[in-house]
Amino acid sequence: MSVKASVSITDQQDEFTRQLVADGQYASVSAVVQRGLELVRSEKEREAAELAALQAFFAERASGPFVSVEDGRRRTEDMIAAKIRAQRV
């Protein structure tokens, strides 16, 4: 089902949109606008999924064991040293 809507675009956007249609990349100006809206929707869904994943990650980390600053530094230094040794091989 489609719904008619009136939108305002700049002269540059109009020129670009009409060029896409003239080049045969889209059937109509409406098709270009619809594709743009689909891209925005897709981007918002991806951002929501990323946010949910980060929230789940931090929730899991918050419920797990914590290490002291000293232990964290030691672990980081050990990882760096291991990477340096691996690059020398």
C-alpha atoms as a PDB file:
ATOM      1  CA  MET A   1       0.000   0.000   0.000  1.00  0.00           C
ATOM      2  CA  SER A   2       1.303   3.466  -0.695  1.00  0.00           C
ATOM      3  CA  VAL A   3       0.429   6.778   0.858  1.00  0.00           C
ATOM      4  CA  LYS A   4       0.737  10.097  -0.918  1.00  0.00           C
ATOM      5  CA  ALA A   5       2.853  12.630   0.917  1.00  0.00           C
ATOM      6  CA  SER A   6       4.133  16.034   0.018  1.00  0.00           C
ATOM      7  CA  VAL A   7       7.794  16.700   0.760  1.00  0.00           C
ATOM      8  CA  SER A   8       9.997  19.702   0.194  1.00  0.00           C
ATOM      9  CA  ILE A   9      13.529  19.263  -1.098  1.00  0.00           C
ATOM     10  CA  THR A  10      16.240  21.726  -2.005  1.00  0.00           C
ATOM     11  CA  ASP A  11      17.025  22.666  -5.592  1.00  0.00           C
ATOM     12  CA  GLN A  12      20.244  20.628  -5.362  1.00  0.00           C
ATOM     13  CA  GLN A  13      18.376  17.583  -4.065  1.00  0.00           C
ATOM     14  CA  ASP A  14      15.822  17.958  -6.851  1.00  0.00           C
ATOM     15  CA  GLU A  15      18.541  18.186  -9.486  1.00  0.00           C
ATOM     16  CA  PHE A  16      20.333  15.151  -8.063  1.00  0.00           C
ATOM     17  CA  THR A  17      17.115  13.152  -7.812  1.00  0.00           C
ATOM     18  CA  ARG A  18      16.064  13.970 -11.356  1.00  0.00           C
ATOM     19  CA  GLN A  19      19.523  13.050 -12.640  1.00  0.00           C
ATOM     20  CA  LEU A  20      19.238   9.633 -10.970  1.00  0.00           C
ATOM     21  CA  VAL A  21      15.916   9.134 -12.749  1.00  0.00           C
ATOM     22  CA  ALA A  22      17.299  10.407 -16.070  1.00  0.00           C
ATOM     23  CA  ASP A  23      20.258   8.016 -15.749  1.00  0.00           C
ATOM     24  CA  GLY A  24      17.795   5.154 -15.340  1.00  0.00           C
ATOM     25  CA  GLN A  25      18.890   4.299 -11.820  1.00  0.00           C
ATOM     26  CA  TYR A  26      15.380   4.871 -10.475  1.00  0.00           C
ATOM     27  CA  ALA A  27      11.974   4.830 -12.133  1.00  0.00           C
ATOM     28  CA  SER A  28      10.769   8.062 -10.546  1.00  0.00           C
ATOM     29  CA  VAL A  29      11.503  10.791  -8.038  1.00  0.00           C
ATOM     30  CA  SER A  30       9.203   8.935  -5.650  1.00  0.00           C
ATOM     31  CA  ALA A  31      11.365   5.826  -5.996  1.00  0.00           C
ATOM     32  CA  VAL A  32      14.456   7.848  -5.037  1.00  0.00           C
ATOM     33  CA  VAL A  33      12.716   9.293  -1.971  1.00  0.00           C
ATOM     34  CA  GLN A  34      11.426   5.831  -0.991  1.00  0.00           C
ATOM     35  CA  ARG A  35      14.954   4.406  -1.267  1.00  0.00           C
ATOM     36  CA  GLY A  36      16.264   7.240   0.893  1.00  0.00           C
ATOM     37  CA  LEU A  37      13.665   6.503   3.554  1.00  0.00           C
ATOM     38  CA  GLU A  38      14.531   2.799   3.458  1.00  0.00           C
ATOM     39  CA  LEU A  39      18.194   3.665   4.000  1.00  0.00           C
ATOM     40  CA  VAL A  40      17.303   5.855   6.991  1.00  0.00           C
ATOM     41  CA  ARG A  41      15.112   3.068   8.429  1.00  0.00           C
ATOM     42  CA  SER A  42      17.886   0.516   7.915  1.00  0.00           C
ATOM     43  CA  GLU A  43      20.422   2.804   9.565  1.00  0.00           C
ATOM     44  CA  LYS A  44      18.146   3.363  12.576  1.00  0.00           C
ATOM     45  CA  GLU A  45      17.554  -0.395  12.947  1.00  0.00           C
ATOM     46  CA  ARG A  46      21.316  -1.032  12.789  1.00  0.00           C
ATOM     47  CA  GLU A  47      21.959   1.657  15.403  1.00  0.00           C
ATOM     48  CA  ALA A  48      19.282   0.152  17.671  1.00  0.00           C
ATOM     49  CA  ALA A  49      20.807  -3.314  17.290  1.00  0.00           C
ATOM     50  CA  GLU A  50      24.285  -1.976  18.063  1.00  0.00           C
ATOM     51  CA  LEU A  51      22.978  -0.150  21.133  1.00  0.00           C
ATOM     52  CA  ALA A  52      21.198  -3.291  22.349  1.00  0.00           C
ATOM     53  CA  ALA A  53      24.386  -5.315  21.856  1.00  0.00           C
ATOM     54  CA  LEU A  54      26.428  -2.761  23.799  1.00  0.00           C
ATOM     55  CA  GLN A  55      23.871  -2.674  26.596  1.00  0.00           C
ATOM     56  CA  ALA A  56      23.915  -6.481  26.796  1.00  0.00           C
ATOM     57  CA  PHE A  57      27.723  -6.477  26.800  1.00  0.00           C
ATOM     58  CA  PHE A  58      27.927  -3.945  29.621  1.00  0.00           C
ATOM     59  CA  ALA A  59      25.218  -5.720  31.603  1.00  0.00           C
ATOM     60  CA  GLU A  60      27.172  -8.971  31.300  1.00  0.00           C
ATOM     61  CA  ARG A  61      30.415  -7.248  32.288  1.00  0.00           C
ATOM     62  CA  ALA A  62      28.733  -5.566  35.260  1.00  0.00           C
ATOM     63  CA  SER A  63      27.568  -8.918  36.586  1.00  0.00           C
ATOM     64  CA  GLY A  64      30.971 -10.563  36.103  1.00  0.00           C
ATOM     65  CA  PRO A  65      34.146 -10.472  38.131  1.00  0.00           C
ATOM     66  CA  PHE A  66      36.064  -7.208  38.425  1.00  0.00           C
ATOM     67  CA  VAL A  67      39.827  -6.904  38.441  1.00  0.00           C
ATOM     68  CA  SER A  68      41.896  -4.350  40.284  1.00  0.00           C
ATOM     69  CA  VAL A  69      43.618  -1.529  38.432  1.00  0.00           C
ATOM     70  CA  GLU A  70      46.967  -3.168  39.083  1.00  0.00           C
ATOM     71  CA  ASP A  71      45.777  -6.517  37.764  1.00  0.00           C
ATOM     72  CA  GLY A  72      44.254  -4.835  34.713  1.00  0.00           C
ATOM     73  CA  ARG A  73      47.521  -3.046  33.967  1.00  0.00           C
ATOM     74  CA  ARG A  74      49.504  -6.259  34.398  1.00  0.00           C
ATOM     75  CA  ARG A  75      47.161  -8.136  32.066  1.00  0.00           C
ATOM     76  CA  THR A  76      47.397  -5.365  29.482  1.00  0.00           C
ATOM     77  CA  GLU A  77      51.196  -5.290  29.694  1.00  0.00           C
ATOM     78  CA  ASP A  78      51.288  -9.089  29.348  1.00  0.00           C
ATOM     79  CA  MET A  79      49.082  -8.935  26.242  1.00  0.00           C
ATOM     80  CA  ILE A  80      51.257  -6.228  24.682  1.00  0.00           C
ATOM     81  CA  ALA A  81      54.413  -8.200  25.422  1.00  0.00           C
ATOM     82  CA  ALA A  82      52.882 -11.331  23.885  1.00  0.00           C
ATOM     83  CA  LYS A  83      51.933  -9.404  20.726  1.00  0.00           C
ATOM     84  CA  ILE A  84      55.456  -8.006  20.442  1.00  0.00           C
ATOM     85  CA  ARG A  85      56.957 -11.491  20.840  1.00  0.00           C
ATOM     86  CA  ALA A  86      54.556 -12.867  18.201  1.00  0.00           C
ATOM     87  CA  GLN A  87      55.582 -10.160  15.708  1.00  0.00           C
ATOM     88  CA  ARG A  88      59.264 -10.992  16.116  1.00  0.00           C
ATOM     89  CA  VAL A  89      58.715 -14.578  14.985  1.00  0.00           C
END
